[in-house]
N, C-alpha and C. Protein backbone atom coordinates (compact mmCIF):
# COMPACT_ATOMS: atom_id res chain seq x y z
N MET A 1 48.92 -25.64 -63.13
CA MET A 1 48.41 -25.66 -62.00
C MET A 1 47.51 -26.73 -62.00
N THR A 2 47.35 -27.46 -61.05
CA THR A 2 46.39 -28.77 -60.94
C THR A 2 45.31 -28.33 -60.33
N PRO A 3 44.15 -29.12 -60.48
CA PRO A 3 42.81 -28.84 -59.88
C PRO A 3 42.71 -28.44 -58.50
N VAL A 4 43.60 -29.12 -57.61
CA VAL A 4 43.84 -28.92 -56.20
C VAL A 4 44.47 -27.72 -55.93
N ASP A 5 45.49 -27.21 -56.71
CA ASP A 5 45.89 -26.16 -56.45
C ASP A 5 45.05 -24.87 -56.80
N ALA A 6 44.14 -25.05 -57.69
CA ALA A 6 43.03 -24.13 -58.00
C ALA A 6 42.14 -23.99 -57.07
N LEU A 7 41.73 -24.80 -56.39
CA LEU A 7 40.95 -24.84 -55.11
C LEU A 7 41.43 -24.03 -54.13
N GLY A 8 42.75 -24.22 -53.88
CA GLY A 8 43.67 -23.66 -52.83
C GLY A 8 43.79 -21.98 -53.34
N VAL A 9 43.92 -21.80 -54.52
CA VAL A 9 43.68 -20.47 -54.87
C VAL A 9 42.58 -19.63 -54.49
N VAL A 10 41.41 -20.54 -55.00
CA VAL A 10 39.95 -20.01 -54.78
C VAL A 10 39.83 -19.69 -53.09
N GLY A 11 40.35 -20.62 -52.38
CA GLY A 11 40.43 -20.54 -50.87
C GLY A 11 41.02 -19.19 -50.59
N VAL A 12 42.06 -18.84 -51.15
CA VAL A 12 42.99 -17.65 -50.91
C VAL A 12 42.10 -16.48 -51.19
N LEU A 13 41.56 -16.58 -52.39
CA LEU A 13 40.64 -15.31 -52.76
C LEU A 13 39.20 -15.30 -51.96
N LEU A 14 38.96 -16.09 -51.48
CA LEU A 14 37.58 -16.06 -50.50
C LEU A 14 37.92 -15.18 -49.18
N ILE A 15 39.22 -15.86 -48.69
CA ILE A 15 39.56 -15.33 -47.48
C ILE A 15 40.04 -13.71 -47.62
N LEU A 16 40.68 -13.53 -48.78
CA LEU A 16 40.95 -12.06 -49.01
C LEU A 16 39.97 -11.19 -49.44
N ILE A 17 38.84 -11.75 -49.88
CA ILE A 17 37.46 -11.01 -50.23
C ILE A 17 36.91 -10.58 -48.81
N ALA A 18 36.98 -11.60 -47.87
CA ALA A 18 36.48 -11.55 -46.50
C ALA A 18 37.03 -10.35 -45.65
N TYR A 19 38.45 -10.44 -45.93
CA TYR A 19 39.35 -9.53 -45.12
C TYR A 19 39.11 -8.16 -45.77
N ALA A 20 39.24 -7.96 -47.08
CA ALA A 20 39.08 -6.62 -47.82
C ALA A 20 37.73 -5.95 -47.26
N GLY A 21 36.64 -6.94 -47.58
CA GLY A 21 35.36 -6.38 -47.10
C GLY A 21 35.32 -5.88 -45.53
N ALA A 22 35.90 -6.81 -44.55
CA ALA A 22 35.94 -6.47 -43.03
C ALA A 22 36.77 -4.96 -43.03
N THR A 23 37.88 -4.75 -43.64
CA THR A 23 38.53 -3.63 -43.38
C THR A 23 38.03 -2.44 -44.15
N SER A 24 37.18 -2.49 -45.25
CA SER A 24 36.56 -1.54 -45.87
C SER A 24 35.30 -1.12 -45.05
N GLY A 25 34.86 -1.84 -44.42
CA GLY A 25 33.52 -1.68 -43.62
C GLY A 25 32.52 -2.26 -44.69
N ARG A 26 32.62 -2.82 -45.73
CA ARG A 26 31.61 -3.50 -46.31
C ARG A 26 31.03 -4.76 -45.61
N LEU A 27 31.83 -5.50 -44.91
CA LEU A 27 31.30 -6.68 -44.46
C LEU A 27 31.81 -6.55 -42.83
N ASP A 28 30.94 -6.99 -42.00
CA ASP A 28 31.08 -7.21 -40.57
C ASP A 28 31.89 -8.51 -40.45
N ALA A 29 32.96 -8.62 -39.68
CA ALA A 29 33.93 -9.81 -39.51
C ALA A 29 33.11 -10.72 -38.62
N ARG A 30 31.88 -10.24 -37.97
CA ARG A 30 31.29 -11.10 -37.03
C ARG A 30 29.86 -11.44 -37.32
N HIS A 31 29.70 -11.11 -38.59
CA HIS A 31 28.51 -11.68 -39.24
C HIS A 31 28.65 -12.89 -40.41
N ALA A 32 27.58 -13.66 -40.59
CA ALA A 32 27.44 -14.74 -41.19
C ALA A 32 28.40 -14.68 -42.59
N PRO A 33 28.08 -13.79 -43.27
CA PRO A 33 28.80 -13.64 -44.88
C PRO A 33 30.43 -13.70 -44.87
N ALA A 34 30.99 -12.97 -43.89
CA ALA A 34 32.37 -12.76 -43.74
C ALA A 34 32.94 -14.28 -42.97
N LEU A 35 32.00 -14.62 -41.86
CA LEU A 35 32.41 -16.15 -41.41
C LEU A 35 32.24 -17.13 -42.31
N LEU A 36 31.53 -17.14 -43.28
CA LEU A 36 31.30 -18.32 -44.20
C LEU A 36 32.10 -18.22 -45.21
N LEU A 37 32.64 -16.75 -45.81
CA LEU A 37 33.85 -16.85 -46.54
C LEU A 37 35.14 -17.22 -46.10
N ASN A 38 35.33 -17.04 -44.84
CA ASN A 38 36.66 -17.29 -44.16
C ASN A 38 36.55 -18.80 -43.92
N LEU A 39 35.54 -19.65 -43.63
CA LEU A 39 35.60 -20.95 -43.53
C LEU A 39 35.53 -21.57 -44.67
N ALA A 40 34.85 -21.22 -45.81
CA ALA A 40 34.99 -21.88 -47.06
C ALA A 40 36.26 -21.69 -47.77
N GLY A 41 37.04 -20.38 -47.61
CA GLY A 41 38.55 -20.41 -47.84
C GLY A 41 39.52 -21.20 -47.17
N ALA A 42 39.19 -21.21 -45.82
CA ALA A 42 40.11 -22.18 -45.15
C ALA A 42 40.16 -23.50 -45.46
N LEU A 43 38.68 -24.16 -45.79
CA LEU A 43 38.49 -25.48 -46.03
C LEU A 43 39.19 -25.85 -47.35
N LEU A 44 38.95 -24.79 -48.47
CA LEU A 44 39.60 -24.99 -49.68
C LEU A 44 41.25 -25.16 -49.66
N ILE A 45 41.63 -24.27 -48.96
CA ILE A 45 43.28 -24.37 -48.62
C ILE A 45 43.50 -25.67 -48.12
N LEU A 46 42.82 -26.04 -46.98
CA LEU A 46 43.18 -27.22 -46.38
C LEU A 46 42.92 -28.58 -47.35
N VAL A 47 42.10 -28.63 -48.20
CA VAL A 47 42.09 -29.44 -49.17
C VAL A 47 43.23 -29.57 -49.98
N SER A 48 43.75 -28.49 -50.47
CA SER A 48 45.09 -28.52 -51.22
C SER A 48 46.15 -28.92 -50.47
N LEU A 49 46.12 -28.54 -49.22
CA LEU A 49 47.24 -28.96 -48.35
C LEU A 49 47.33 -30.34 -48.03
N TYR A 50 46.06 -31.08 -48.38
CA TYR A 50 45.99 -32.57 -47.99
C TYR A 50 47.00 -32.99 -49.15
N VAL A 51 47.08 -32.48 -50.42
CA VAL A 51 47.87 -33.35 -51.41
C VAL A 51 49.26 -32.64 -51.23
N ASP A 52 49.49 -31.56 -50.82
CA ASP A 52 50.83 -30.90 -50.82
C ASP A 52 50.90 -30.59 -49.42
N PHE A 53 51.27 -31.58 -48.35
CA PHE A 53 51.30 -31.17 -46.79
C PHE A 53 52.28 -30.23 -46.40
N ASN A 54 51.84 -29.07 -45.41
CA ASN A 54 52.72 -28.18 -44.98
C ASN A 54 52.31 -27.87 -43.50
N LEU A 55 52.81 -28.49 -42.58
CA LEU A 55 52.11 -28.39 -41.20
C LEU A 55 51.90 -26.97 -40.67
N SER A 56 52.79 -25.87 -40.81
CA SER A 56 52.48 -24.68 -40.31
C SER A 56 51.34 -24.25 -41.21
N ALA A 57 51.14 -24.35 -42.50
CA ALA A 57 49.81 -23.77 -43.10
C ALA A 57 48.74 -24.67 -42.64
N VAL A 58 48.69 -25.95 -42.35
CA VAL A 58 47.45 -26.80 -42.08
C VAL A 58 47.05 -26.11 -40.64
N LEU A 59 48.05 -25.74 -39.57
CA LEU A 59 47.85 -25.45 -38.25
C LEU A 59 47.10 -23.87 -38.41
N MET A 60 47.65 -23.18 -39.49
CA MET A 60 47.02 -21.93 -39.52
C MET A 60 45.56 -21.85 -40.17
N GLU A 61 45.42 -22.70 -41.28
CA GLU A 61 44.08 -22.77 -41.86
C GLU A 61 43.05 -23.40 -41.17
N GLY A 62 43.83 -24.59 -40.03
CA GLY A 62 42.70 -25.24 -39.23
C GLY A 62 42.17 -24.18 -38.16
N ALA A 63 43.27 -23.50 -37.40
CA ALA A 63 42.75 -22.41 -36.75
C ALA A 63 41.69 -21.16 -37.30
N TRP A 64 41.85 -20.87 -38.63
CA TRP A 64 41.07 -19.97 -39.36
C TRP A 64 39.74 -20.68 -39.27
N ALA A 65 39.52 -21.71 -39.58
CA ALA A 65 38.24 -22.51 -39.63
C ALA A 65 37.59 -22.82 -38.45
N LEU A 66 38.24 -22.87 -37.21
CA LEU A 66 37.87 -23.06 -36.17
C LEU A 66 37.28 -21.83 -35.54
N VAL A 67 37.74 -20.65 -35.90
CA VAL A 67 37.50 -19.28 -35.43
C VAL A 67 36.13 -19.11 -36.12
N ALA A 68 36.03 -19.34 -37.60
CA ALA A 68 34.86 -19.42 -38.31
C ALA A 68 33.65 -20.02 -37.51
N VAL A 69 34.14 -21.05 -37.30
CA VAL A 69 33.16 -22.05 -36.84
C VAL A 69 32.32 -21.87 -35.64
N VAL A 70 33.41 -21.17 -34.79
CA VAL A 70 33.11 -20.74 -33.33
C VAL A 70 32.11 -19.47 -33.55
N GLY A 71 32.55 -18.52 -34.40
CA GLY A 71 31.71 -17.14 -34.59
C GLY A 71 30.31 -17.90 -35.28
N LEU A 72 30.41 -18.51 -36.13
CA LEU A 72 29.06 -19.26 -36.56
C LEU A 72 28.16 -19.74 -35.64
N GLY A 73 28.82 -20.75 -34.81
CA GLY A 73 27.96 -21.25 -33.54
C GLY A 73 27.57 -20.10 -32.57
N ARG A 74 28.41 -19.20 -32.40
CA ARG A 74 27.79 -18.05 -31.43
C ARG A 74 26.53 -17.22 -32.31
N LEU A 75 26.48 -17.12 -33.51
CA LEU A 75 25.22 -16.59 -33.99
C LEU A 75 23.97 -17.36 -34.16
N ALA A 76 24.30 -18.63 -34.31
CA ALA A 76 23.35 -19.81 -34.09
C ALA A 76 22.70 -19.75 -32.65
N PHE A 77 23.55 -19.62 -31.77
CA PHE A 77 23.16 -19.60 -30.40
C PHE A 77 22.30 -18.30 -30.11
N GLN A 78 22.65 -17.39 -30.53
CA GLN A 78 22.00 -15.91 -30.52
C GLN A 78 20.67 -16.16 -31.02
N ARG A 79 20.63 -16.69 -32.02
CA ARG A 79 19.26 -16.73 -32.94
C ARG A 79 18.26 -17.72 -31.93
N LEU A 80 18.82 -18.66 -31.51
CA LEU A 80 18.22 -19.55 -30.64
C LEU A 80 17.43 -19.01 -29.30
N LYS A 81 18.34 -18.22 -28.78
CA LYS A 81 18.07 -17.53 -27.52
C LYS A 81 16.78 -16.40 -28.00
N ARG A 82 16.56 -15.92 -28.88
CA ARG A 82 15.44 -15.02 -29.24
C ARG A 82 14.18 -15.71 -29.06
């Protein structure tokens, strides 16, 4: 396994941790910890895909990262409104 592959595996683990946390009720998928885990995971997977490109995986992880960024932006905007 190359170092870039290892980054991709860590990314997968981060996303799985966020998913398991959300489905078990330990994490709220709409709050920063889960969103940050998803964003970090997607970005690490995208790094690994830069070396070994796969269009469908890039589209999926790009969308995953975008959803996390939008969620984090929504949280930041809500804090600014207070």
